[in-house]
N, C-alpha and C. Protein backbone atom coordinates (compact mmCIF):
# COMPACT_ATOMS: atom_id res chain seq x y z
N MET A 1 0.84 -1.18 0.00
CA MET A 1 0.00 0.00 0.00
C MET A 1 0.88 1.24 0.00
N ALA A 2 0.52 2.22 -0.78
CA ALA A 2 1.30 3.45 -0.86
C ALA A 2 0.84 4.43 0.21
N ILE A 3 1.80 5.12 0.77
CA ILE A 3 1.54 6.14 1.77
C ILE A 3 1.77 7.48 1.11
N LYS A 4 0.85 8.43 1.29
CA LYS A 4 1.02 9.76 0.71
C LYS A 4 1.56 10.70 1.78
N THR A 5 2.50 11.56 1.37
CA THR A 5 3.06 12.55 2.29
C THR A 5 3.41 13.82 1.55
N LYS A 6 3.30 14.93 2.25
CA LYS A 6 3.69 16.22 1.69
C LYS A 6 5.20 16.38 1.82
N ILE A 7 5.77 17.23 0.99
CA ILE A 7 7.22 17.45 0.99
C ILE A 7 7.69 17.90 2.38
N ARG A 8 7.00 18.84 2.98
CA ARG A 8 7.40 19.37 4.29
C ARG A 8 7.44 18.25 5.34
N GLU A 9 6.40 17.41 5.34
CA GLU A 9 6.36 16.30 6.29
C GLU A 9 7.47 15.29 6.00
N LEU A 10 7.73 15.03 4.72
CA LEU A 10 8.80 14.11 4.34
C LEU A 10 10.14 14.60 4.87
N LYS A 11 10.40 15.91 4.70
CA LYS A 11 11.66 16.47 5.17
C LYS A 11 11.77 16.38 6.69
N ALA A 12 10.67 16.61 7.38
CA ALA A 12 10.69 16.60 8.85
C ALA A 12 10.84 15.19 9.41
N LYS A 13 10.33 14.20 8.70
CA LYS A 13 10.32 12.82 9.22
C LYS A 13 11.00 11.86 8.25
N LEU A 14 12.05 12.31 7.59
CA LEU A 14 12.70 11.51 6.55
C LEU A 14 13.14 10.14 7.07
N SER A 15 13.75 10.10 8.23
CA SER A 15 14.23 8.81 8.77
C SER A 15 13.09 7.81 8.93
N ALA A 16 11.96 8.28 9.43
CA ALA A 16 10.80 7.39 9.63
C ALA A 16 10.29 6.88 8.30
N TYR A 17 10.22 7.76 7.29
CA TYR A 17 9.75 7.33 5.98
C TYR A 17 10.74 6.36 5.32
N MET A 18 12.02 6.57 5.54
CA MET A 18 13.01 5.66 4.97
C MET A 18 12.90 4.28 5.62
N ARG A 19 12.62 4.24 6.93
CA ARG A 19 12.42 2.95 7.60
C ARG A 19 11.20 2.23 7.00
N ARG A 20 10.16 3.00 6.71
CA ARG A 20 8.96 2.39 6.14
C ARG A 20 9.24 1.86 4.73
N ALA A 21 10.02 2.60 3.96
CA ALA A 21 10.39 2.13 2.62
C ALA A 21 11.25 0.87 2.73
N LYS A 22 12.16 0.87 3.68
CA LYS A 22 13.01 -0.31 3.89
C LYS A 22 12.17 -1.53 4.27
N ALA A 23 11.04 -1.28 4.96
CA ALA A 23 10.14 -2.37 5.36
C ALA A 23 9.23 -2.81 4.22
N GLY A 24 9.33 -2.14 3.05
CA GLY A 24 8.58 -2.59 1.89
C GLY A 24 7.46 -1.67 1.46
N GLU A 25 7.27 -0.54 2.14
CA GLU A 25 6.19 0.37 1.77
C GLU A 25 6.64 1.35 0.69
N THR A 26 5.70 1.80 -0.12
CA THR A 26 5.95 2.82 -1.12
C THR A 26 5.42 4.15 -0.59
N ILE A 27 6.22 5.20 -0.69
CA ILE A 27 5.83 6.52 -0.22
C ILE A 27 5.63 7.41 -1.44
N VAL A 28 4.43 7.97 -1.58
CA VAL A 28 4.13 8.89 -2.67
C VAL A 28 4.26 10.31 -2.12
N ILE A 29 5.10 11.12 -2.76
CA ILE A 29 5.35 12.48 -2.33
C ILE A 29 4.40 13.40 -3.09
N THR A 30 3.71 14.28 -2.36
CA THR A 30 2.74 15.16 -2.99
C THR A 30 3.12 16.63 -2.80
N GLU A 31 2.66 17.43 -3.75
CA GLU A 31 2.81 18.88 -3.67
C GLU A 31 1.46 19.48 -4.04
N HIS A 32 0.88 20.23 -3.13
CA HIS A 32 -0.45 20.79 -3.33
C HIS A 32 -1.46 19.69 -3.67
N GLY A 33 -1.30 18.54 -3.02
CA GLY A 33 -2.23 17.43 -3.20
C GLY A 33 -2.03 16.58 -4.43
N LYS A 34 -1.02 16.91 -5.25
CA LYS A 34 -0.78 16.14 -6.48
C LYS A 34 0.52 15.35 -6.36
N PRO A 35 0.51 14.07 -6.75
CA PRO A 35 1.73 13.27 -6.68
C PRO A 35 2.82 13.84 -7.58
N ILE A 36 4.04 13.95 -7.03
CA ILE A 36 5.17 14.44 -7.82
C ILE A 36 6.34 13.47 -7.83
N GLY A 37 6.31 12.47 -6.96
CA GLY A 37 7.40 11.50 -6.91
C GLY A 37 7.06 10.39 -5.95
N ARG A 38 7.96 9.43 -5.87
CA ARG A 38 7.73 8.33 -4.93
C ARG A 38 9.06 7.73 -4.50
N ILE A 39 9.03 7.17 -3.31
CA ILE A 39 10.17 6.44 -2.77
C ILE A 39 9.71 4.99 -2.70
N VAL A 40 10.46 4.11 -3.34
CA VAL A 40 10.10 2.70 -3.36
C VAL A 40 11.25 1.86 -2.81
N PRO A 41 10.93 0.76 -2.20
CA PRO A 41 12.00 -0.13 -1.72
C PRO A 41 12.84 -0.62 -2.89
N VAL A 42 14.13 -0.73 -2.68
CA VAL A 42 15.04 -1.17 -3.74
C VAL A 42 14.70 -2.57 -4.21
N GLY A 43 14.28 -3.42 -3.33
CA GLY A 43 14.03 -4.81 -3.66
C GLY A 43 12.81 -5.07 -4.51
N GLN A 44 11.95 -4.07 -4.71
CA GLN A 44 10.74 -4.30 -5.49
C GLN A 44 11.05 -4.38 -6.97
N SER A 45 10.45 -5.36 -7.62
CA SER A 45 10.58 -5.46 -9.07
C SER A 45 9.64 -4.44 -9.71
N THR A 46 9.80 -4.21 -10.99
CA THR A 46 8.92 -3.30 -11.71
C THR A 46 7.48 -3.76 -11.61
N GLN A 47 7.25 -5.06 -11.70
CA GLN A 47 5.89 -5.59 -11.61
C GLN A 47 5.29 -5.32 -10.23
N GLU A 48 6.10 -5.49 -9.17
CA GLU A 48 5.62 -5.21 -7.82
C GLU A 48 5.30 -3.72 -7.65
N GLN A 49 6.14 -2.87 -8.21
CA GLN A 49 5.90 -1.43 -8.13
C GLN A 49 4.62 -1.06 -8.86
N MET A 50 4.42 -1.64 -10.06
CA MET A 50 3.21 -1.36 -10.83
C MET A 50 1.98 -1.85 -10.06
N ALA A 51 2.06 -3.02 -9.47
CA ALA A 51 0.93 -3.56 -8.71
C ALA A 51 0.60 -2.64 -7.53
N ALA A 52 1.63 -2.13 -6.84
CA ALA A 52 1.41 -1.23 -5.72
C ALA A 52 0.76 0.07 -6.18
N LEU A 53 1.19 0.59 -7.31
CA LEU A 53 0.60 1.83 -7.84
C LEU A 53 -0.84 1.60 -8.27
N MET A 54 -1.13 0.43 -8.83
CA MET A 54 -2.51 0.11 -9.24
C MET A 54 -3.39 -0.03 -8.00
N ARG A 55 -2.88 -0.68 -6.94
CA ARG A 55 -3.65 -0.82 -5.71
C ARG A 55 -3.94 0.55 -5.09
N ALA A 56 -2.97 1.48 -5.22
CA ALA A 56 -3.14 2.82 -4.67
C ALA A 56 -4.04 3.69 -5.54
N GLY A 57 -4.42 3.19 -6.71
CA GLY A 57 -5.29 3.95 -7.61
C GLY A 57 -4.57 5.05 -8.38
N LEU A 58 -3.23 4.98 -8.43
CA LEU A 58 -2.47 6.00 -9.12
C LEU A 58 -2.29 5.71 -10.60
N ILE A 59 -2.41 4.44 -10.98
CA ILE A 59 -2.34 4.08 -12.39
C ILE A 59 -3.40 3.04 -12.69
N ASN A 60 -3.69 2.88 -13.97
CA ASN A 60 -4.61 1.86 -14.43
C ASN A 60 -3.97 1.21 -15.65
N CYS A 61 -4.03 -0.09 -15.73
CA CYS A 61 -3.37 -0.80 -16.82
C CYS A 61 -4.31 -1.88 -17.35
N ASN A 62 -4.57 -1.85 -18.67
CA ASN A 62 -5.42 -2.89 -19.24
C ASN A 62 -4.59 -4.00 -19.91
N ARG A 63 -3.26 -3.85 -19.87
CA ARG A 63 -2.31 -4.83 -20.37
C ARG A 63 -2.39 -5.08 -21.88
N GLU A 64 -3.01 -4.18 -22.63
CA GLU A 64 -3.05 -4.31 -24.09
C GLU A 64 -1.78 -3.68 -24.67
N LYS A 65 -1.35 -4.21 -25.81
CA LYS A 65 -0.19 -3.63 -26.49
C LYS A 65 -0.57 -2.30 -27.10
N LEU A 66 0.34 -1.35 -27.00
CA LEU A 66 0.09 -0.04 -27.59
C LEU A 66 0.29 -0.09 -29.10
N ALA A 67 -0.54 0.66 -29.79
CA ALA A 67 -0.40 0.77 -31.24
C ALA A 67 0.82 1.64 -31.55
N HIS A 68 1.45 1.38 -32.68
CA HIS A 68 2.61 2.17 -33.08
C HIS A 68 2.16 3.60 -33.40
N ILE A 69 2.88 4.56 -32.84
CA ILE A 69 2.58 5.96 -33.08
C ILE A 69 3.82 6.61 -33.69
N SER A 70 3.62 7.31 -34.79
CA SER A 70 4.77 7.98 -35.41
C SER A 70 5.11 9.22 -34.59
N PRO A 71 6.36 9.64 -34.63
CA PRO A 71 6.77 10.81 -33.84
C PRO A 71 5.98 12.05 -34.25
N PRO A 72 5.52 12.84 -33.27
CA PRO A 72 4.72 14.02 -33.59
C PRO A 72 5.56 15.19 -34.11
N ALA A 73 6.88 15.13 -33.93
CA ALA A 73 7.73 16.24 -34.35
C ALA A 73 8.91 15.71 -35.16
N HIS A 74 9.33 16.49 -36.12
CA HIS A 74 10.49 16.16 -36.93
C HIS A 74 11.43 17.35 -36.91
N THR A 75 12.71 17.09 -37.03
CA THR A 75 13.68 18.18 -37.04
C THR A 75 14.19 18.40 -38.45
N ARG A 76 14.69 19.59 -38.65
CA ARG A 76 15.33 19.90 -39.93
C ARG A 76 16.82 19.72 -39.74
N GLY A 77 17.47 19.13 -40.67
CA GLY A 77 18.91 18.94 -40.56
C GLY A 77 19.28 17.61 -39.93
N ASP A 78 20.53 17.52 -39.48
CA ASP A 78 21.08 16.26 -38.97
C ASP A 78 20.89 16.08 -37.46
N ARG A 79 20.46 17.11 -36.76
CA ARG A 79 20.38 17.01 -35.30
C ARG A 79 19.08 16.33 -34.87
N SER A 80 19.19 15.51 -33.83
CA SER A 80 18.01 14.81 -33.33
C SER A 80 17.22 15.73 -32.40
N LEU A 81 15.97 15.37 -32.17
CA LEU A 81 15.12 16.15 -31.29
C LEU A 81 15.69 16.16 -29.87
N SER A 82 16.23 15.03 -29.42
CA SER A 82 16.81 14.98 -28.08
C SER A 82 18.01 15.91 -27.96
N ASP A 83 18.82 16.02 -29.01
CA ASP A 83 19.95 16.96 -28.99
C ASP A 83 19.46 18.40 -28.85
N LEU A 84 18.40 18.74 -29.58
CA LEU A 84 17.85 20.08 -29.50
C LEU A 84 17.27 20.38 -28.11
N LEU A 85 16.61 19.40 -27.51
CA LEU A 85 16.06 19.58 -26.17
C LEU A 85 17.18 19.78 -25.15
N LEU A 86 18.23 18.98 -25.24
CA LEU A 86 19.36 19.13 -24.32
C LEU A 86 20.00 20.49 -24.45
N GLU A 87 20.15 20.95 -25.68
CA GLU A 87 20.74 22.27 -25.91
C GLU A 87 19.84 23.36 -25.32
N ASP A 88 18.54 23.21 -25.47
CA ASP A 88 17.60 24.20 -24.95
C ASP A 88 17.64 24.26 -23.43
N ARG A 89 17.87 23.13 -22.77
CA ARG A 89 17.92 23.09 -21.31
C ARG A 89 19.16 23.77 -20.76
N GLU A 90 20.20 23.84 -21.56
CA GLU A 90 21.45 24.48 -21.11
C GLU A 90 21.28 25.94 -21.23
């Protein structure tokens, strides 16, 4: 089961939340009531993490294969879109 906590509370009680994560719990970090991150135990597999998120109602999965989608953007020249994004972030 996932536990929700605000950033301020996480900072104030970090050791306690880390003990809970070590014990196998997932901690969902919220900002203004919206999830922004999570702390998960290292030992959890991706499937276990997905199952925990589904139980918490944070994701929904119908397990169908996604249809192929062509890229929505194309670049001019030899540079890739990821190169342009990295340059823009600098």
